[in-house]
Structures are given as structure tokens and as C-alpha cells.
Amino acid sequence: MGRGLRPQAVDGTFHIATLAVDSAFAYRDTDDRELFLRLLGRVRETYDWFVDSFVLMGTHYHLIVRTPRLTLSEGMQNLNGTYAQFFNQRYRRRGHLFGRRFSSVPILTERHLLAAHRYVAMNPVRAGLCERPGDWRWGSFRALAGLAPVPAFLTPSALELFDVPPAAAGVAFARFVEATTGGDPAFESLLAKKAGV
């Protein structure tokens, strides 16, 4: 039986995840991660994507992207395929680097978008790689929270989700991400507001 069509949409927003084959490491050092981010920047430009969030883990990565055109599958094939070629050449390996097709979940509401941003930013914390998301260098949290420069390929549109002056948006984003879902009134209030409750 054939695989189903990958969901795509003009002006679509997607939470994307890709896992290396057999949970192998997709990034072995800083050079690998920097190369991947350069390729992501090239794909963003070539396929007219907006990259709103990212995190590179060891065995996988997450992205939140907006696609003004129907370029999601083509762009992902380019990104994963080109990176795998470089990786295989560098480490003298053969075969697939990414084991399955990438996962892409359409994001249809602001509430879902906020939750996806939080999920991406907290990924290294949940994996035990750091204590706070600001400690992890290989994600967009530091840039969005105002702790590091914004990479050229990153669109900081997540900051527009907060009803605060632009100068305070990074702090609001960081507070939102680091809040516990069940205990922080600001977190619950923002989600309720975005859900129209």
C-alpha cells in the first residue's frame, strides 16, 4: 500500500520533526550543527519558507515553518537529502541518515502555535540535556528570548503572539515557555485568550 500524501498548504504553518535512522546521532559535533543551520538558511531562501522556531537535538530536530507556497515536501527533501550527503561523506558512511519520512503537523490555531513553540523550546530540557531552554545553544529560544542575536534565517514571529510592547516580547516569550502548564496563571490566561475562552 502506498504512503499517503504529505499535508501541504499555501500559507500553511507546520510543526516538523525528523528522526535519524535507528536513533543514531544526526549531529556529532558543532561543525555538523552549523552546517545543518546553513543548509536550513539556504532552503528557507530557495523555497520561500519562514522558519519561526527550531531545535537541533542529537538524534532528531524540530522546526516550525510557514510555507507561503506548496514547497514543504520539496524543501524537506532538499534539506534532509543534502545534509545526509554531507554527513555520509564526512563520516564515510552509506545509506539513509533519516530513517522515516519527516513528521509534519499542521498548526491551525494560535493556541496550538503557542504550545508548539513551547514544545520545541523545551525539548532539550525534557531530554535532560540542560536545565533551562536558555542553556541550549542549538535552538531558537535564546534568540526569541533576547539572549542571543537572531539568525538571518529565523523569523521571530512568535514574539507577535504576545500583547506587549516589542521591547518586552522576548521576556514574555521566555516566561511563557518556562511556565509550568498547570501552575502559572499567565500561561493559562494566555492560552485561554488565544482559544477565545
N, C-alpha and C. Protein backbone atom coordinates (compact mmCIF):
# COMPACT_ATOMS: atom_id res chain seq x y z
N MET A 1 0.85 -1.19 0.00
CA MET A 1 0.00 0.00 0.00
C MET A 1 0.89 1.24 0.00
N GLY A 2 0.59 2.22 -0.83
CA GLY A 2 1.39 3.44 -0.95
C GLY A 2 1.22 4.35 0.25
N ARG A 3 2.20 5.22 0.41
CA ARG A 3 2.13 6.17 1.51
C ARG A 3 1.15 7.29 1.15
N GLY A 4 0.46 7.82 2.17
CA GLY A 4 -0.48 8.91 1.95
C GLY A 4 0.24 10.19 1.57
N LEU A 5 -0.50 11.09 0.98
CA LEU A 5 0.08 12.37 0.59
C LEU A 5 0.44 13.18 1.82
N ARG A 6 1.56 13.87 1.74
CA ARG A 6 2.01 14.73 2.82
C ARG A 6 1.13 15.97 2.86
N PRO A 7 0.57 16.35 4.03
CA PRO A 7 -0.25 17.56 4.07
C PRO A 7 0.60 18.79 3.74
N GLN A 8 0.10 19.59 2.82
CA GLN A 8 0.75 20.85 2.47
C GLN A 8 -0.35 21.89 2.31
N ALA A 9 0.05 23.13 2.38
CA ALA A 9 -0.93 24.20 2.23
C ALA A 9 -0.22 25.48 1.84
N VAL A 10 -0.89 26.27 1.02
CA VAL A 10 -0.43 27.62 0.76
C VAL A 10 -0.68 28.40 2.04
N ASP A 11 0.33 29.14 2.49
CA ASP A 11 0.26 29.87 3.75
C ASP A 11 -0.01 28.95 4.93
N GLY A 12 0.53 27.73 4.87
CA GLY A 12 0.38 26.78 5.97
C GLY A 12 1.48 26.96 7.00
N THR A 13 1.18 26.58 8.24
CA THR A 13 2.15 26.56 9.32
C THR A 13 2.24 25.12 9.81
N PHE A 14 3.48 24.63 9.98
CA PHE A 14 3.69 23.22 10.32
C PHE A 14 4.72 23.06 11.43
N HIS A 15 4.45 22.10 12.30
CA HIS A 15 5.45 21.62 13.25
C HIS A 15 6.06 20.37 12.61
N ILE A 16 7.35 20.44 12.34
CA ILE A 16 8.05 19.37 11.63
C ILE A 16 9.03 18.71 12.58
N ALA A 17 9.15 17.40 12.47
CA ALA A 17 10.16 16.66 13.22
C ALA A 17 10.75 15.60 12.31
N THR A 18 12.06 15.38 12.43
CA THR A 18 12.74 14.36 11.66
C THR A 18 13.69 13.61 12.59
N LEU A 19 13.64 12.28 12.53
CA LEU A 19 14.44 11.41 13.40
C LEU A 19 15.45 10.64 12.57
N ALA A 20 16.68 10.55 13.06
CA ALA A 20 17.71 9.77 12.37
C ALA A 20 17.37 8.28 12.42
N VAL A 21 17.88 7.55 11.46
CA VAL A 21 17.62 6.11 11.36
C VAL A 21 18.16 5.40 12.61
N ASP A 22 17.36 4.49 13.15
CA ASP A 22 17.74 3.70 14.32
C ASP A 22 18.20 4.57 15.49
N SER A 23 17.66 5.76 15.59
CA SER A 23 18.01 6.72 16.65
C SER A 23 19.51 6.99 16.73
N ALA A 24 20.17 6.97 15.57
CA ALA A 24 21.59 7.32 15.51
C ALA A 24 21.74 8.83 15.68
N PHE A 25 22.95 9.27 15.97
CA PHE A 25 23.18 10.69 16.09
C PHE A 25 23.25 11.34 14.71
N ALA A 26 22.43 12.35 14.50
CA ALA A 26 22.43 13.08 13.24
C ALA A 26 23.45 14.21 13.27
N TYR A 27 23.87 14.59 14.47
CA TYR A 27 24.86 15.65 14.64
C TYR A 27 25.90 15.14 15.63
N ARG A 28 27.15 15.06 15.18
CA ARG A 28 28.20 14.53 16.06
C ARG A 28 29.04 15.62 16.69
N ASP A 29 29.01 16.82 16.10
CA ASP A 29 29.81 17.90 16.67
C ASP A 29 29.25 19.25 16.22
N THR A 30 29.92 20.30 16.65
CA THR A 30 29.49 21.67 16.33
C THR A 30 29.48 21.91 14.82
N ASP A 31 30.46 21.40 14.11
CA ASP A 31 30.51 21.60 12.65
C ASP A 31 29.28 21.03 11.97
N ASP A 32 28.83 19.86 12.41
CA ASP A 32 27.62 19.26 11.82
C ASP A 32 26.42 20.17 12.04
N ARG A 33 26.27 20.68 13.24
CA ARG A 33 25.12 21.52 13.57
C ARG A 33 25.17 22.84 12.79
N GLU A 34 26.35 23.43 12.70
CA GLU A 34 26.48 24.68 11.95
C GLU A 34 26.20 24.47 10.47
N LEU A 35 26.66 23.35 9.92
CA LEU A 35 26.37 23.04 8.52
C LEU A 35 24.87 22.89 8.31
N PHE A 36 24.20 22.16 9.21
CA PHE A 36 22.76 21.97 9.07
C PHE A 36 22.04 23.31 9.08
N LEU A 37 22.43 24.20 9.97
CA LEU A 37 21.76 25.51 10.04
C LEU A 37 22.03 26.35 8.80
N ARG A 38 23.21 26.24 8.23
CA ARG A 38 23.47 26.95 6.95
C ARG A 38 22.58 26.39 5.85
N LEU A 39 22.44 25.06 5.81
CA LEU A 39 21.56 24.44 4.81
C LEU A 39 20.10 24.85 5.04
N LEU A 40 19.69 24.92 6.29
CA LEU A 40 18.33 25.37 6.61
C LEU A 40 18.11 26.79 6.09
N GLY A 41 19.11 27.65 6.26
CA GLY A 41 19.00 29.01 5.74
C GLY A 41 18.88 29.03 4.23
N ARG A 42 19.62 28.17 3.56
CA ARG A 42 19.55 28.09 2.10
C ARG A 42 18.18 27.58 1.63
N VAL A 43 17.68 26.55 2.31
CA VAL A 43 16.36 26.00 1.98
C VAL A 43 15.28 27.05 2.23
N ARG A 44 15.38 27.77 3.34
CA ARG A 44 14.41 28.83 3.64
C ARG A 44 14.34 29.82 2.49
N GLU A 45 15.49 30.21 1.99
CA GLU A 45 15.53 31.19 0.91
C GLU A 45 15.04 30.61 -0.41
N THR A 46 15.47 29.41 -0.73
CA THR A 46 15.11 28.78 -2.01
C THR A 46 13.62 28.51 -2.11
N TYR A 47 13.01 28.07 -1.01
CA TYR A 47 11.61 27.64 -1.05
C TYR A 47 10.66 28.65 -0.41
N ASP A 48 11.16 29.85 -0.11
CA ASP A 48 10.32 30.92 0.43
C ASP A 48 9.66 30.54 1.76
N TRP A 49 10.36 29.81 2.58
CA TRP A 49 9.83 29.46 3.89
C TRP A 49 10.04 30.60 4.88
N PHE A 50 9.27 30.55 5.94
CA PHE A 50 9.53 31.34 7.14
C PHE A 50 9.83 30.33 8.24
N VAL A 51 11.02 30.35 8.78
CA VAL A 51 11.40 29.46 9.88
C VAL A 51 11.15 30.23 11.18
N ASP A 52 10.14 29.82 11.92
CA ASP A 52 9.74 30.53 13.13
C ASP A 52 10.38 29.96 14.39
N SER A 53 10.80 28.71 14.34
CA SER A 53 11.40 28.07 15.51
C SER A 53 12.18 26.85 15.07
N PHE A 54 13.21 26.51 15.85
CA PHE A 54 13.97 25.29 15.57
C PHE A 54 14.67 24.82 16.83
N VAL A 55 14.97 23.54 16.87
CA VAL A 55 15.87 22.98 17.88
C VAL A 55 16.54 21.76 17.27
N LEU A 56 17.85 21.71 17.40
CA LEU A 56 18.62 20.55 16.96
C LEU A 56 18.97 19.74 18.19
N MET A 57 18.54 18.50 18.22
CA MET A 57 18.86 17.62 19.33
C MET A 57 20.06 16.76 18.90
N GLY A 58 20.16 15.54 19.38
CA GLY A 58 21.23 14.66 18.92
C GLY A 58 20.76 13.76 17.80
N THR A 59 19.60 13.13 18.02
CA THR A 59 19.07 12.15 17.07
C THR A 59 17.98 12.71 16.17
N HIS A 60 17.55 13.94 16.43
CA HIS A 60 16.43 14.49 15.66
C HIS A 60 16.43 16.01 15.76
N TYR A 61 15.50 16.61 15.02
CA TYR A 61 15.31 18.05 15.10
C TYR A 61 13.84 18.39 14.96
N HIS A 62 13.49 19.58 15.40
CA HIS A 62 12.14 20.12 15.26
C HIS A 62 12.22 21.48 14.59
N LEU A 63 11.23 21.78 13.77
CA LEU A 63 11.08 23.09 13.13
C LEU A 63 9.62 23.52 13.23
N ILE A 64 9.40 24.82 13.28
CA ILE A 64 8.08 25.38 12.99
C ILE A 64 8.30 26.27 11.78
N VAL A 65 7.63 25.93 10.68
CA VAL A 65 7.81 26.70 9.45
C VAL A 65 6.46 27.10 8.88
N ARG A 66 6.49 28.23 8.20
CA ARG A 66 5.33 28.68 7.41
C ARG A 66 5.71 28.62 5.94
N THR A 67 4.79 28.14 5.13
CA THR A 67 5.08 27.94 3.70
C THR A 67 4.07 28.73 2.87
N PRO A 68 4.47 29.89 2.35
CA PRO A 68 3.56 30.67 1.51
C PRO A 68 3.19 29.94 0.21
N ARG A 69 4.06 29.02 -0.22
CA ARG A 69 3.78 28.22 -1.42
C ARG A 69 3.81 26.74 -1.04
N LEU A 70 3.41 25.87 -1.97
CA LEU A 70 3.39 24.43 -1.71
C LEU A 70 4.79 23.85 -1.89
N THR A 71 5.66 24.15 -0.94
CA THR A 71 7.06 23.76 -1.06
C THR A 71 7.56 22.94 0.12
N LEU A 72 6.67 22.49 0.99
CA LEU A 72 7.12 21.81 2.21
C LEU A 72 7.87 20.52 1.89
N SER A 73 7.28 19.63 1.12
CA SER A 73 7.91 18.35 0.83
C SER A 73 9.20 18.52 0.05
N GLU A 74 9.16 19.37 -0.95
CA GLU A 74 10.35 19.61 -1.77
C GLU A 74 11.48 20.20 -0.93
N GLY A 75 11.16 21.16 -0.09
CA GLY A 75 12.17 21.77 0.75
C GLY A 75 12.75 20.79 1.76
N MET A 76 11.90 19.95 2.36
CA MET A 76 12.37 18.97 3.33
C MET A 76 13.25 17.92 2.66
N GLN A 77 12.88 17.51 1.45
CA GLN A 77 13.70 16.56 0.72
C GLN A 77 15.09 17.15 0.45
N ASN A 78 15.11 18.42 0.08
CA ASN A 78 16.38 19.10 -0.17
C ASN A 78 17.20 19.19 1.11
N LEU A 79 16.58 19.63 2.19
CA LEU A 79 17.29 19.81 3.46
C LEU A 79 17.85 18.49 3.97
N ASN A 80 16.99 17.49 4.11
CA ASN A 80 17.44 16.21 4.66
C ASN A 80 18.40 15.48 3.73
N GLY A 81 18.11 15.52 2.43
CA GLY A 81 18.96 14.82 1.47
C GLY A 81 20.34 15.44 1.36
N THR A 82 20.41 16.76 1.28
CA THR A 82 21.71 17.44 1.15
C THR A 82 22.53 17.26 2.41
N TYR A 83 21.88 17.40 3.59
CA TYR A 83 22.62 17.22 4.83
C TYR A 83 23.13 15.77 4.94
N ALA A 84 22.29 14.80 4.59
CA ALA A 84 22.71 13.40 4.68
C ALA A 84 23.90 13.12 3.77
N GLN A 85 23.93 13.73 2.59
CA GLN A 85 25.07 13.53 1.69
C GLN A 85 26.35 14.05 2.32
N PHE A 86 26.31 15.25 2.87
CA PHE A 86 27.48 15.82 3.53
C PHE A 86 27.90 14.95 4.72
N PHE A 87 26.91 14.54 5.53
CA PHE A 87 27.18 13.74 6.71
C PHE A 87 27.83 12.41 6.33
N ASN A 88 27.27 11.73 5.35
CA ASN A 88 27.81 10.45 4.92
C ASN A 88 29.23 10.59 4.37
N GLN A 89 29.46 11.64 3.61
CA GLN A 89 30.79 11.86 3.07
C GLN A 89 31.79 12.14 4.20
N ARG A 90 31.39 12.97 5.13
CA ARG A 90 32.30 13.33 6.22
C ARG A 90 32.67 12.14 7.09
N TYR A 91 31.69 11.27 7.37
CA TYR A 91 31.93 10.16 8.28
C TYR A 91 32.10 8.82 7.56
N ARG A 92 32.25 8.88 6.25
CA ARG A 92 32.49 7.68 5.44
C ARG A 92 31.46 6.59 5.74
N ARG A 93 30.21 7.00 5.68
CA ARG A 93 29.12 6.06 5.92
C ARG A 93 28.23 6.01 4.69
N ARG A 94 27.36 5.02 4.62
CA ARG A 94 26.45 4.86 3.49
C ARG A 94 25.03 4.69 4.01
N GLY A 95 24.09 4.91 3.12
CA GLY A 95 22.69 4.67 3.46
C GLY A 95 22.00 5.90 3.98
N HIS A 96 20.76 5.68 4.37
CA HIS A 96 19.92 6.78 4.85
C HIS A 96 20.40 7.28 6.20
N LEU A 97 20.33 8.57 6.39
CA LEU A 97 20.60 9.16 7.70
C LEU A 97 19.31 9.31 8.48
N PHE A 98 18.27 9.80 7.80
CA PHE A 98 16.97 9.98 8.44
C PHE A 98 16.10 8.79 8.06
N GLY A 99 15.63 8.07 9.09
CA GLY A 99 15.02 6.77 8.88
C GLY A 99 13.64 6.77 8.25
N ARG A 100 12.79 7.65 8.65
CA ARG A 100 11.43 7.69 8.13
C ARG A 100 11.18 9.04 7.48
N ARG A 101 10.04 9.14 6.85
CA ARG A 101 9.66 10.45 6.35
C ARG A 101 9.52 11.41 7.53
N PHE A 102 9.72 12.66 7.24
CA PHE A 102 9.56 13.65 8.30
C PHE A 102 8.10 13.72 8.73
N SER A 103 7.90 14.08 9.97
CA SER A 103 6.56 14.29 10.51
C SER A 103 6.19 15.75 10.32
N SER A 104 4.99 16.02 9.86
CA SER A 104 4.54 17.41 9.74
C SER A 104 3.10 17.51 10.23
N VAL A 105 2.92 18.32 11.25
CA VAL A 105 1.59 18.52 11.83
C VAL A 105 1.14 19.94 11.51
N PRO A 106 0.02 20.10 10.78
CA PRO A 106 -0.48 21.45 10.51
C PRO A 106 -0.88 22.14 11.81
N ILE A 107 -0.53 23.41 11.91
CA ILE A 107 -0.90 24.23 13.07
C ILE A 107 -2.00 25.18 12.61
N LEU A 108 -3.16 25.04 13.20
CA LEU A 108 -4.34 25.76 12.70
C LEU A 108 -4.85 26.86 13.63
N THR A 109 -4.39 26.87 14.88
CA THR A 109 -4.86 27.87 15.82
C THR A 109 -3.67 28.52 16.54
N GLU A 110 -3.89 29.70 17.09
CA GLU A 110 -2.83 30.36 17.86
C GLU A 110 -2.50 29.57 19.12
N ARG A 111 -3.49 28.97 19.72
CA ARG A 111 -3.25 28.15 20.91
C ARG A 111 -2.29 27.00 20.58
N HIS A 112 -2.55 26.33 19.47
CA HIS A 112 -1.67 25.23 19.03
C HIS A 112 -0.28 25.77 18.71
N LEU A 113 -0.21 26.93 18.09
CA LEU A 113 1.08 27.53 17.75
C LEU A 113 1.89 27.84 19.00
N LEU A 114 1.25 28.41 20.01
CA LEU A 114 1.95 28.69 21.27
C LEU A 114 2.46 27.40 21.91
N ALA A 115 1.61 26.38 21.92
CA ALA A 115 2.02 25.10 22.51
C ALA A 115 3.18 24.48 21.73
N ALA A 116 3.16 24.62 20.41
CA ALA A 116 4.25 24.08 19.58
C ALA A 116 5.56 24.82 19.85
N HIS A 117 5.50 26.14 19.98
CA HIS A 117 6.71 26.91 20.31
C HIS A 117 7.28 26.46 21.65
N ARG A 118 6.40 26.27 22.61
CA ARG A 118 6.85 25.82 23.93
C ARG A 118 7.45 24.42 23.84
N TYR A 119 6.82 23.53 23.10
CA TYR A 119 7.31 22.16 22.95
C TYR A 119 8.71 22.15 22.34
N VAL A 120 8.90 22.91 21.27
CA VAL A 120 10.20 22.95 20.60
C VAL A 120 11.27 23.50 21.55
N ALA A 121 10.98 24.59 22.22
CA ALA A 121 11.96 25.22 23.10
C ALA A 121 12.33 24.33 24.30
N MET A 122 11.35 23.58 24.81
CA MET A 122 11.58 22.76 26.00
C MET A 122 12.15 21.38 25.68
N ASN A 123 12.30 21.04 24.41
CA ASN A 123 12.77 19.70 24.04
C ASN A 123 14.09 19.31 24.70
N PRO A 124 15.12 20.16 24.68
CA PRO A 124 16.37 19.76 25.33
C PRO A 124 16.26 19.65 26.85
N VAL A 125 15.35 20.41 27.45
CA VAL A 125 15.14 20.31 28.90
C VAL A 125 14.51 18.96 29.22
N ARG A 126 13.46 18.59 28.47
CA ARG A 126 12.80 17.30 28.69
C ARG A 126 13.75 16.13 28.45
N ALA A 127 14.70 16.31 27.54
CA ALA A 127 15.67 15.24 27.23
C ALA A 127 16.80 15.18 28.25
N GLY A 128 16.84 16.11 29.21
CA GLY A 128 17.87 16.12 30.22
C GLY A 128 19.21 16.67 29.75
N LEU A 129 19.20 17.44 28.65
CA LEU A 129 20.43 17.99 28.10
C LEU A 129 20.80 19.32 28.75
N CYS A 130 19.83 19.95 29.39
CA CYS A 130 20.08 21.22 30.07
C CYS A 130 18.97 21.44 31.09
N GLU A 131 19.18 22.41 31.97
CA GLU A 131 18.18 22.68 33.00
C GLU A 131 17.12 23.67 32.54
N ARG A 132 17.53 24.62 31.69
CA ARG A 132 16.60 25.64 31.19
C ARG A 132 16.80 25.78 29.69
N PRO A 133 15.76 26.17 28.96
CA PRO A 133 15.91 26.25 27.50
C PRO A 133 16.96 27.26 27.05
N GLY A 134 17.20 28.29 27.85
CA GLY A 134 18.22 29.27 27.51
C GLY A 134 19.64 28.74 27.59
N ASP A 135 19.81 27.56 28.19
CA ASP A 135 21.13 26.95 28.28
C ASP A 135 21.52 26.21 27.00
N TRP A 136 20.53 25.95 26.13
CA TRP A 136 20.77 25.13 24.93
C TRP A 136 21.08 26.04 23.75
N ARG A 137 22.26 25.90 23.21
CA ARG A 137 22.74 26.76 22.13
C ARG A 137 22.08 26.48 20.78
N TRP A 138 21.62 25.24 20.58
CA TRP A 138 21.20 24.80 19.25
C TRP A 138 19.69 24.86 19.06
N GLY A 139 19.11 25.98 19.41
CA GLY A 139 17.69 26.19 19.20
C GLY A 139 17.41 27.67 19.08
N SER A 140 16.17 27.99 18.80
CA SER A 140 15.78 29.39 18.57
C SER A 140 15.39 30.11 19.87
N PHE A 141 15.26 29.37 20.98
CA PHE A 141 14.79 30.00 22.20
C PHE A 141 15.65 31.19 22.59
N ARG A 142 16.96 31.05 22.58
CA ARG A 142 17.84 32.13 23.02
C ARG A 142 17.62 33.40 22.20
N ALA A 143 17.47 33.25 20.89
CA ALA A 143 17.24 34.41 20.03
C ALA A 143 15.87 35.03 20.30
N LEU A 144 14.85 34.20 20.43
CA LEU A 144 13.50 34.72 20.64
C LEU A 144 13.34 35.37 22.01
N ALA A 145 14.10 34.87 22.98
CA ALA A 145 14.03 35.43 24.34
C ALA A 145 14.93 36.65 24.51
N GLY A 146 15.65 37.04 23.47
CA GLY A 146 16.52 38.21 23.54
C GLY A 146 17.86 37.94 24.20
N LEU A 147 18.26 36.67 24.27
CA LEU A 147 19.52 36.29 24.91
C LEU A 147 20.67 36.14 23.91
N ALA A 148 20.34 36.14 22.61
CA ALA A 148 21.35 35.97 21.56
C ALA A 148 20.84 36.65 20.30
N PRO A 149 21.73 36.97 19.36
CA PRO A 149 21.28 37.56 18.10
C PRO A 149 20.35 36.62 17.34
N VAL A 150 19.44 37.19 16.58
CA VAL A 150 18.51 36.40 15.77
C VAL A 150 19.24 35.97 14.49
N PRO A 151 19.34 34.66 14.23
CA PRO A 151 19.97 34.21 12.98
C PRO A 151 19.23 34.75 11.77
N ALA A 152 19.95 34.93 10.68
CA ALA A 152 19.36 35.51 9.47
C ALA A 152 18.18 34.69 8.94
N PHE A 153 18.20 33.39 9.15
CA PHE A 153 17.13 32.54 8.60
C PHE A 153 15.90 32.47 9.50
N LEU A 154 15.98 32.99 10.73
CA LEU A 154 14.89 32.86 11.68
C LEU A 154 13.97 34.07 11.62
N THR A 155 12.68 33.81 11.54
CA THR A 155 11.66 34.87 11.58
C THR A 155 11.09 34.89 13.00
N PRO A 156 11.31 35.95 13.76
CA PRO A 156 10.86 35.96 15.15
C PRO A 156 9.37 36.29 15.32
N SER A 157 8.54 35.68 14.49
CA SER A 157 7.11 35.99 14.53
C SER A 157 6.44 35.51 15.81
N ALA A 158 7.06 34.58 16.53
CA ALA A 158 6.47 34.11 17.80
C ALA A 158 6.28 35.27 18.76
N LEU A 159 7.13 36.28 18.65
CA LEU A 159 7.05 37.41 19.57
C LEU A 159 5.80 38.25 19.34
N GLU A 160 5.20 38.12 18.16
CA GLU A 160 3.98 38.86 17.85
C GLU A 160 2.76 38.25 18.52
N LEU A 161 2.91 37.06 19.10
CA LEU A 161 1.78 36.39 19.75
C LEU A 161 1.46 36.96 21.12
N PHE A 162 2.33 37.83 21.63
CA PHE A 162 2.17 38.37 22.97
C PHE A 162 1.73 39.83 22.88
N ASP A 163 0.72 40.17 23.64
CA ASP A 163 0.15 41.51 23.62
C ASP A 163 0.95 42.43 24.53
N VAL A 164 2.21 42.64 24.15
CA VAL A 164 3.11 43.50 24.92
C VAL A 164 3.90 44.36 23.94
N PRO A 165 4.51 45.45 24.40
CA PRO A 165 5.37 46.24 23.50
C PRO A 165 6.51 45.38 22.97
N PRO A 166 6.99 45.65 21.76
CA PRO A 166 8.05 44.84 21.16
C PRO A 166 9.27 44.64 22.06
N ALA A 167 9.64 45.67 22.82
CA ALA A 167 10.82 45.56 23.68
C ALA A 167 10.63 44.54 24.80
N ALA A 168 9.39 44.24 25.14
CA ALA A 168 9.11 43.30 26.22
C ALA A 168 8.73 41.91 25.71
N ALA A 169 8.65 41.74 24.40
CA ALA A 169 8.15 40.48 23.84
C ALA A 169 9.07 39.31 24.14
N GLY A 170 10.38 39.50 24.11
CA GLY A 170 11.31 38.41 24.40
C GLY A 170 11.15 37.89 25.82
N VAL A 171 10.99 38.81 26.76
CA VAL A 171 10.79 38.41 28.16
C VAL A 171 9.47 37.66 28.30
N ALA A 172 8.42 38.14 27.63
CA ALA A 172 7.11 37.48 27.68
C ALA A 172 7.19 36.08 27.09
N PHE A 173 7.92 35.96 25.98
CA PHE A 173 8.10 34.64 25.35
C PHE A 173 8.81 33.69 26.31
N ALA A 174 9.90 34.15 26.90
CA ALA A 174 10.68 33.30 27.81
C ALA A 174 9.84 32.88 29.01
N ARG A 175 9.09 33.81 29.56
CA ARG A 175 8.25 33.49 30.73
C ARG A 175 7.19 32.46 30.35
N PHE A 176 6.59 32.64 29.18
CA PHE A 176 5.58 31.70 28.72
C PHE A 176 6.17 30.30 28.54
N VAL A 177 7.32 30.20 27.88
CA VAL A 177 7.93 28.89 27.62
C VAL A 177 8.30 28.19 28.92
N GLU A 178 8.84 28.93 29.87
CA GLU A 178 9.35 28.32 31.09
C GLU A 178 8.28 28.10 32.15
N ALA A 179 7.07 28.62 31.91
CA ALA A 179 5.99 28.41 32.88
C ALA A 179 5.55 26.96 32.86
N THR A 180 5.11 26.46 34.00
CA THR A 180 4.53 25.12 34.03
C THR A 180 3.08 25.23 33.59
N THR A 181 2.64 24.32 32.75
CA THR A 181 1.30 24.43 32.17
C THR A 181 0.20 24.42 33.21
N GLY A 182 0.40 23.73 34.31
CA GLY A 182 -0.68 23.63 35.28
C GLY A 182 -0.63 24.64 36.41
N GLY A 183 0.47 25.41 36.52
CA GLY A 183 0.58 26.23 37.70
C GLY A 183 0.76 27.72 37.48
N ASP A 184 1.02 28.15 36.27
CA ASP A 184 1.29 29.56 36.05
C ASP A 184 0.04 30.24 35.50
N PRO A 185 -0.54 31.18 36.26
CA PRO A 185 -1.76 31.85 35.80
C PRO A 185 -1.57 32.59 34.47
N ALA A 186 -0.38 33.14 34.25
CA ALA A 186 -0.13 33.87 33.00
C ALA A 186 -0.21 32.92 31.81
N PHE A 187 0.33 31.72 31.98
CA PHE A 187 0.30 30.71 30.92
C PHE A 187 -1.14 30.33 30.59
N GLU A 188 -1.89 30.00 31.64
CA GLU A 188 -3.28 29.59 31.44
C GLU A 188 -4.11 30.72 30.85
N SER A 189 -3.88 31.94 31.31
CA SER A 189 -4.62 33.09 30.82
C SER A 189 -4.35 33.33 29.34
N LEU A 190 -3.08 33.24 28.96
CA LEU A 190 -2.73 33.47 27.55
C LEU A 190 -3.35 32.39 26.66
N LEU A 191 -3.26 31.13 27.07
CA LEU A 191 -3.85 30.06 26.26
C LEU A 191 -5.36 30.23 26.16
N ALA A 192 -6.01 30.60 27.26
CA ALA A 192 -7.45 30.81 27.24
C ALA A 192 -7.81 31.95 26.30
N LYS A 193 -7.04 33.02 26.34
CA LYS A 193 -7.29 34.18 25.49
C LYS A 193 -7.16 33.79 24.02
N LYS A 194 -6.10 33.05 23.68
CA LYS A 194 -5.87 32.65 22.29
C LYS A 194 -6.93 31.66 21.82
N ALA A 195 -7.51 30.92 22.76
CA ALA A 195 -8.55 29.96 22.40
C ALA A 195 -9.93 30.63 22.35
N GLY A 196 -10.00 31.90 22.72
CA GLY A 196 -11.27 32.62 22.69
C GLY A 196 -12.17 32.30 23.86
N VAL A 197 -11.58 31.80 24.95
CA VAL A 197 -12.37 31.45 26.14
C VAL A 197 -12.65 32.72 26.95
